[in-house]
Amino acid sequence: MDDSQLIAACKKQSRNAQKALYELYAPKMMAVCLRYCQNGETARDLLHDGFLQVFTQIGSYSGKGSFEG
């Protein structure tokens, strides 16, 4: 499944697609979180909060621009 298919499935609230998207982007996002707070536990909290935001707002993503960004 490519990114656009994963995003479309996430918009339909597919738990498997959400898990796949999380596993795909979590390592990069964790690195960003660690850069900002430099505390592993806090970084994990920020990571999870960020993904909650992604999954609640994914319906507004139009496909224009980089999803990763």
PDB file of N, CA and C in Angstrom:
ATOM      1  N   MET A   1       0.848  -1.187   0.000  1.00  0.00           N
ATOM      2  CA  MET A   1       0.000   0.000   0.000  1.00  0.00           C
ATOM      3  C   MET A   1       0.888   1.243   0.000  1.00  0.00           C
ATOM      4  N   ASP A   2       0.612   2.179  -0.906  1.00  0.00           N
ATOM      5  CA  ASP A   2       1.398   3.410  -0.910  1.00  0.00           C
ATOM      6  C   ASP A   2       0.753   4.443   0.028  1.00  0.00           C
ATOM      7  N   ASP A   3       1.408   5.584   0.165  1.00  0.00           N
ATOM      8  CA  ASP A   3       0.943   6.614   1.104  1.00  0.00           C
ATOM      9  C   ASP A   3      -0.485   7.065   0.825  1.00  0.00           C
ATOM     10  N   SER A   4      -0.809   7.291  -0.455  1.00  0.00           N
ATOM     11  CA  SER A   4      -2.144   7.789  -0.780  1.00  0.00           C
ATOM     12  C   SER A   4      -3.221   6.764  -0.418  1.00  0.00           C
ATOM     13  N   GLN A   5      -2.923   5.491  -0.614  1.00  0.00           N
ATOM     14  CA  GLN A   5      -3.874   4.446  -0.229  1.00  0.00           C
ATOM     15  C   GLN A   5      -4.011   4.359   1.288  1.00  0.00           C
ATOM     16  N   LEU A   6      -2.882   4.479   1.991  1.00  0.00           N
ATOM     17  CA  LEU A   6      -2.924   4.464   3.461  1.00  0.00           C
ATOM     18  C   LEU A   6      -3.739   5.632   3.994  1.00  0.00           C
ATOM     19  N   ILE A   7      -3.527   6.803   3.433  1.00  0.00           N
ATOM     20  CA  ILE A   7      -4.244   7.994   3.877  1.00  0.00           C
ATOM     21  C   ILE A   7      -5.735   7.848   3.613  1.00  0.00           C
ATOM     22  N   ALA A   8      -6.082   7.336   2.432  1.00  0.00           N
ATOM     23  CA  ALA A   8      -7.502   7.119   2.107  1.00  0.00           C
ATOM     24  C   ALA A   8      -8.133   6.137   3.087  1.00  0.00           C
ATOM     25  N   ALA A   9      -7.417   5.076   3.435  1.00  0.00           N
ATOM     26  CA  ALA A   9      -7.938   4.096   4.394  1.00  0.00           C
ATOM     27  C   ALA A   9      -8.039   4.702   5.794  1.00  0.00           C
ATOM     28  N   CYS A  10      -7.083   5.554   6.155  1.00  0.00           N
ATOM     29  CA  CYS A  10      -7.135   6.222   7.464  1.00  0.00           C
ATOM     30  C   CYS A  10      -8.333   7.165   7.539  1.00  0.00           C
ATOM     31  N   LYS A  11      -8.656   7.811   6.420  1.00  0.00           N
ATOM     32  CA  LYS A  11      -9.825   8.689   6.390  1.00  0.00           C
ATOM     33  C   LYS A  11     -11.106   7.908   6.637  1.00  0.00           C
ATOM     34  N   LYS A  12     -11.075   6.612   6.302  1.00  0.00           N
ATOM     35  CA  LYS A  12     -12.219   5.731   6.568  1.00  0.00           C
ATOM     36  C   LYS A  12     -12.100   5.056   7.933  1.00  0.00           C
ATOM     37  N   GLN A  13     -11.124   5.504   8.716  1.00  0.00           N
ATOM     38  CA  GLN A  13     -10.877   5.047  10.081  1.00  0.00           C
ATOM     39  C   GLN A  13     -10.502   3.566  10.176  1.00  0.00           C
ATOM     40  N   SER A  14      -9.753   3.096   9.203  1.00  0.00           N
ATOM     41  CA  SER A  14      -9.239   1.733   9.221  1.00  0.00           C
ATOM     42  C   SER A  14      -8.121   1.636  10.258  1.00  0.00           C
ATOM     43  N   ARG A  15      -8.307   0.808  11.257  1.00  0.00           N
ATOM     44  CA  ARG A  15      -7.295   0.646  12.311  1.00  0.00           C
ATOM     45  C   ARG A  15      -6.000   0.061  11.751  1.00  0.00           C
ATOM     46  N   ASN A  16      -6.108  -0.855  10.793  1.00  0.00           N
ATOM     47  CA  ASN A  16      -4.905  -1.440  10.191  1.00  0.00           C
ATOM     48  C   ASN A  16      -4.111  -0.388   9.431  1.00  0.00           C
ATOM     49  N   ALA A  17      -4.796   0.483   8.726  1.00  0.00           N
ATOM     50  CA  ALA A  17      -4.121   1.558   7.989  1.00  0.00           C
ATOM     51  C   ALA A  17      -3.489   2.553   8.958  1.00  0.00           C
ATOM     52  N   GLN A  18      -4.182   2.865  10.042  1.00  0.00           N
ATOM     53  CA  GLN A  18      -3.621   3.776  11.041  1.00  0.00           C
ATOM     54  C   GLN A  18      -2.342   3.187  11.639  1.00  0.00           C
ATOM     55  N   LYS A  19      -2.385   1.896  11.922  1.00  0.00           N
ATOM     56  CA  LYS A  19      -1.206   1.228  12.482  1.00  0.00           C
ATOM     57  C   LYS A  19      -0.056   1.270  11.478  1.00  0.00           C
ATOM     58  N   ALA A  20      -0.350   0.990  10.215  1.00  0.00           N
ATOM     59  CA  ALA A  20       0.684   0.998   9.182  1.00  0.00           C
ATOM     60  C   ALA A  20       1.278   2.397   9.008  1.00  0.00           C
ATOM     61  N   LEU A  21       0.429   3.418   9.020  1.00  0.00           N
ATOM     62  CA  LEU A  21       0.897   4.801   8.889  1.00  0.00           C
ATOM     63  C   LEU A  21       1.763   5.182  10.089  1.00  0.00           C
ATOM     64  N   TYR A  22       1.332   4.780  11.271  1.00  0.00           N
ATOM     65  CA  TYR A  22       2.098   5.033  12.488  1.00  0.00           C
ATOM     66  C   TYR A  22       3.478   4.383  12.386  1.00  0.00           C
ATOM     67  N   GLU A  23       3.515   3.125  12.005  1.00  0.00           N
ATOM     68  CA  GLU A  23       4.785   2.402  11.921  1.00  0.00           C
ATOM     69  C   GLU A  23       5.696   2.978  10.850  1.00  0.00           C
ATOM     70  N   LEU A  24       5.116   3.532   9.813  1.00  0.00           N
ATOM     71  CA  LEU A  24       5.891   4.125   8.732  1.00  0.00           C
ATOM     72  C   LEU A  24       6.534   5.457   9.143  1.00  0.00           C
ATOM     73  N   TYR A  25       5.770   6.295   9.835  1.00  0.00           N
ATOM     74  CA  TYR A  25       6.239   7.645  10.145  1.00  0.00           C
ATOM     75  C   TYR A  25       6.729   7.851  11.582  1.00  0.00           C
ATOM     76  N   ALA A  26       6.448   6.950  12.483  1.00  0.00           N
ATOM     77  CA  ALA A  26       6.825   7.132  13.887  1.00  0.00           C
ATOM     78  C   ALA A  26       8.333   7.317  14.107  1.00  0.00           C
ATOM     79  N   PRO A  27       9.188   6.532  13.458  1.00  0.00           N
ATOM     80  CA  PRO A  27      10.627   6.740  13.715  1.00  0.00           C
ATOM     81  C   PRO A  27      11.111   8.149  13.368  1.00  0.00           C
ATOM     82  N   LYS A  28      10.669   8.682  12.231  1.00  0.00           N
ATOM     83  CA  LYS A  28      11.094  10.033  11.844  1.00  0.00           C
ATOM     84  C   LYS A  28      10.508  11.076  12.792  1.00  0.00           C
ATOM     85  N   MET A  29       9.245  10.888  13.143  1.00  0.00           N
ATOM     86  CA  MET A  29       8.598  11.853  14.027  1.00  0.00           C
ATOM     87  C   MET A  29       9.200  11.791  15.436  1.00  0.00           C
ATOM     88  N   MET A  30       9.585  10.592  15.870  1.00  0.00           N
ATOM     89  CA  MET A  30      10.216  10.451  17.181  1.00  0.00           C
ATOM     90  C   MET A  30      11.541  11.209  17.212  1.00  0.00           C
ATOM     91  N   ALA A  31      12.289  11.144  16.123  1.00  0.00           N
ATOM     92  CA  ALA A  31      13.559  11.876  16.048  1.00  0.00           C
ATOM     93  C   ALA A  31      13.327  13.379  16.181  1.00  0.00           C
ATOM     94  N   VAL A  32      12.274  13.877  15.552  1.00  0.00           N
ATOM     95  CA  VAL A  32      11.945  15.307  15.663  1.00  0.00           C
ATOM     96  C   VAL A  32      11.552  15.643  17.099  1.00  0.00           C
ATOM     97  N   CYS A  33      10.736  14.796  17.704  1.00  0.00           N
ATOM     98  CA  CYS A  33      10.307  15.031  19.094  1.00  0.00           C
ATOM     99  C   CYS A  33      11.503  15.055  20.039  1.00  0.00           C
ATOM    100  N   LEU A  34      12.442  14.136  19.839  1.00  0.00           N
ATOM    101  CA  LEU A  34      13.638  14.104  20.690  1.00  0.00           C
ATOM    102  C   LEU A  34      14.506  15.331  20.493  1.00  0.00           C
ATOM    103  N   ARG A  35      14.524  15.869  19.278  1.00  0.00           N
ATOM    104  CA  ARG A  35      15.289  17.079  19.023  1.00  0.00           C
ATOM    105  C   ARG A  35      14.741  18.258  19.823  1.00  0.00           C
ATOM    106  N   TYR A  36      13.425  18.285  19.984  1.00  0.00           N
ATOM    107  CA  TYR A  36      12.791  19.402  20.689  1.00  0.00           C
ATOM    108  C   TYR A  36      12.858  19.269  22.205  1.00  0.00           C
ATOM    109  N   CYS A  37      12.662  18.067  22.739  1.00  0.00           N
ATOM    110  CA  CYS A  37      12.560  17.981  24.199  1.00  0.00           C
ATOM    111  C   CYS A  37      13.694  17.212  24.854  1.00  0.00           C
ATOM    112  N   GLN A  38      14.430  16.377  24.140  1.00  0.00           N
ATOM    113  CA  GLN A  38      15.596  15.654  24.630  1.00  0.00           C
ATOM    114  C   GLN A  38      15.316  14.776  25.850  1.00  0.00           C
ATOM    115  N   ASN A  39      14.072  14.387  26.041  1.00  0.00           N
ATOM    116  CA  ASN A  39      13.688  13.479  27.116  1.00  0.00           C
ATOM    117  C   ASN A  39      12.834  12.393  26.476  1.00  0.00           C
ATOM    118  N   GLY A  40      13.261  11.140  26.599  1.00  0.00           N
ATOM    119  CA  GLY A  40      12.598  10.042  25.921  1.00  0.00           C
ATOM    120  C   GLY A  40      11.127   9.896  26.242  1.00  0.00           C
ATOM    121  N   GLU A  41      10.784   9.985  27.514  1.00  0.00           N
ATOM    122  CA  GLU A  41       9.384   9.821  27.919  1.00  0.00           C
ATOM    123  C   GLU A  41       8.508  10.951  27.391  1.00  0.00           C
ATOM    124  N   THR A  42       8.990  12.158  27.506  1.00  0.00           N
ATOM    125  CA  THR A  42       8.247  13.309  27.002  1.00  0.00           C
ATOM    126  C   THR A  42       8.126  13.234  25.476  1.00  0.00           C
ATOM    127  N   ALA A  43       9.194  12.801  24.810  1.00  0.00           N
ATOM    128  CA  ALA A  43       9.175  12.667  23.351  1.00  0.00           C
ATOM    129  C   ALA A  43       8.118  11.645  22.922  1.00  0.00           C
ATOM    130  N   ARG A  44       8.013  10.532  23.635  1.00  0.00           N
ATOM    131  CA  ARG A  44       6.987   9.523  23.306  1.00  0.00           C
ATOM    132  C   ARG A  44       5.587  10.094  23.494  1.00  0.00           C
ATOM    133  N   ASP A  45       5.395  10.873  24.568  1.00  0.00           N
ATOM    134  CA  ASP A  45       4.091  11.518  24.781  1.00  0.00           C
ATOM    135  C   ASP A  45       3.762  12.467  23.629  1.00  0.00           C
ATOM    136  N   LEU A  46       4.740  13.252  23.220  1.00  0.00           N
ATOM    137  CA  LEU A  46       4.535  14.180  22.099  1.00  0.00           C
ATOM    138  C   LEU A  46       4.242  13.423  20.810  1.00  0.00           C
ATOM    139  N   LEU A  47       4.946  12.313  20.599  1.00  0.00           N
ATOM    140  CA  LEU A  47       4.724  11.487  19.420  1.00  0.00           C
ATOM    141  C   LEU A  47       3.284  10.988  19.375  1.00  0.00           C
ATOM    142  N   HIS A  48       2.816  10.444  20.479  1.00  0.00           N
ATOM    143  CA  HIS A  48       1.452   9.916  20.523  1.00  0.00           C
ATOM    144  C   HIS A  48       0.419  11.033  20.379  1.00  0.00           C
ATOM    145  N   ASP A  49       0.657  12.157  21.042  1.00  0.00           N
ATOM    146  CA  ASP A  49      -0.253  13.303  20.899  1.00  0.00           C
ATOM    147  C   ASP A  49      -0.296  13.784  19.449  1.00  0.00           C
ATOM    148  N   GLY A  50       0.866  13.798  18.810  1.00  0.00           N
ATOM    149  CA  GLY A  50       0.934  14.215  17.417  1.00  0.00           C
ATOM    150  C   GLY A  50       0.145  13.289  16.500  1.00  0.00           C
ATOM    151  N   PHE A  51       0.266  11.991  16.734  1.00  0.00           N
ATOM    152  CA  PHE A  51      -0.480  11.051  15.893  1.00  0.00           C
ATOM    153  C   PHE A  51      -1.976  11.110  16.169  1.00  0.00           C
ATOM    154  N   LEU A  52      -2.358  11.381  17.395  1.00  0.00           N
ATOM    155  CA  LEU A  52      -3.788  11.577  17.672  1.00  0.00           C
ATOM    156  C   LEU A  52      -4.307  12.756  16.856  1.00  0.00           C
ATOM    157  N   GLN A  53      -3.531  13.805  16.801  1.00  0.00           N
ATOM    158  CA  GLN A  53      -3.902  14.991  16.025  1.00  0.00           C
ATOM    159  C   GLN A  53      -3.979  14.643  14.537  1.00  0.00           C
ATOM    160  N   VAL A  54      -3.004  13.883  14.058  1.00  0.00           N
ATOM    161  CA  VAL A  54      -3.004  13.477  12.646  1.00  0.00           C
ATOM    162  C   VAL A  54      -4.268  12.700  12.325  1.00  0.00           C
ATOM    163  N   PHE A  55      -4.596  11.724  13.165  1.00  0.00           N
ATOM    164  CA  PHE A  55      -5.737  10.868  12.859  1.00  0.00           C
ATOM    165  C   PHE A  55      -7.078  11.584  13.024  1.00  0.00           C
ATOM    166  N   THR A  56      -7.154  12.581  13.890  1.00  0.00           N
ATOM    167  CA  THR A  56      -8.415  13.316  14.018  1.00  0.00           C
ATOM    168  C   THR A  56      -8.575  14.367  12.925  1.00  0.00           C
ATOM    169  N   GLN A  57      -7.458  14.845  12.354  1.00  0.00           N
ATOM    170  CA  GLN A  57      -7.513  15.890  11.331  1.00  0.00           C
ATOM    171  C   GLN A  57      -7.246  15.374   9.915  1.00  0.00           C
ATOM    172  N   ILE A  58      -7.048  14.067   9.755  1.00  0.00           N
ATOM    173  CA  ILE A  58      -6.649  13.528   8.451  1.00  0.00           C
ATOM    174  C   ILE A  58      -7.704  13.769   7.372  1.00  0.00           C
ATOM    175  N   GLY A  59      -8.941  13.914   7.754  1.00  0.00           N
ATOM    176  CA  GLY A  59     -10.003  14.185   6.793  1.00  0.00           C
ATOM    177  C   GLY A  59      -9.828  15.496   6.068  1.00  0.00           C
ATOM    178  N   SER A  60      -9.109  16.432   6.657  1.00  0.00           N
ATOM    179  CA  SER A  60      -8.901  17.731   6.014  1.00  0.00           C
ATOM    180  C   SER A  60      -7.672  17.738   5.099  1.00  0.00           C
ATOM    181  N   TYR A  61      -6.918  16.637   5.068  1.00  0.00           N
ATOM    182  CA  TYR A  61      -5.751  16.567   4.182  1.00  0.00           C
ATOM    183  C   TYR A  61      -6.226  16.345   2.753  1.00  0.00           C
ATOM    184  N   SER A  62      -5.868  17.256   1.871  1.00  0.00           N
ATOM    185  CA  SER A  62      -6.370  17.224   0.490  1.00  0.00           C
ATOM    186  C   SER A  62      -5.468  16.448  -0.461  1.00  0.00           C
ATOM    187  N   GLY A  63      -4.289  16.059  -0.001  1.00  0.00           N
ATOM    188  CA  GLY A  63      -3.373  15.336  -0.873  1.00  0.00           C
ATOM    189  C   GLY A  63      -2.373  16.249  -1.559  1.00  0.00           C
ATOM    190  N   LYS A  64      -2.522  17.549  -1.367  1.00  0.00           N
ATOM    191  CA  LYS A  64      -1.591  18.499  -1.946  1.00  0.00           C
ATOM    192  C   LYS A  64      -0.431  18.707  -0.973  1.00  0.00           C
ATOM    193  N   GLY A  65       0.757  18.696  -1.485  1.00  0.00           N
ATOM    194  CA  GLY A  65       1.922  18.855  -0.643  1.00  0.00           C
ATOM    195  C   GLY A  65       2.340  17.543  -0.004  1.00  0.00           C
ATOM    196  N   SER A  66       3.416  17.593   0.706  1.00  0.00           N
ATOM    197  CA  SER A  66       3.982  16.405   1.330  1.00  0.00           C
ATOM    198  C   SER A  66       3.212  16.040   2.600  1.00  0.00           C
ATOM    199  N   PHE A  67       2.752  14.806   2.674  1.00  0.00           N
ATOM    200  CA  PHE A  67       2.079  14.365   3.895  1.00  0.00           C
ATOM    201  C   PHE A  67       3.067  14.289   5.033  1.00  0.00           C
ATOM    202  N   GLU A  68       4.268  13.862   4.730  1.00  0.00           N
ATOM    203  CA  GLU A  68       5.312  13.741   5.749  1.00  0.00           C
ATOM    204  C   GLU A  68       5.604  15.081   6.414  1.00  0.00           C
ATOM    205  N   GLY A  69       5.569  16.127   5.630  1.00  0.00           N
ATOM    206  CA  GLY A  69       5.844  17.461   6.161  1.00  0.00           C
ATOM    207  C   GLY A  69       4.755  17.904   7.089  1.00  0.00           C
TER     208      GLY A  69
END
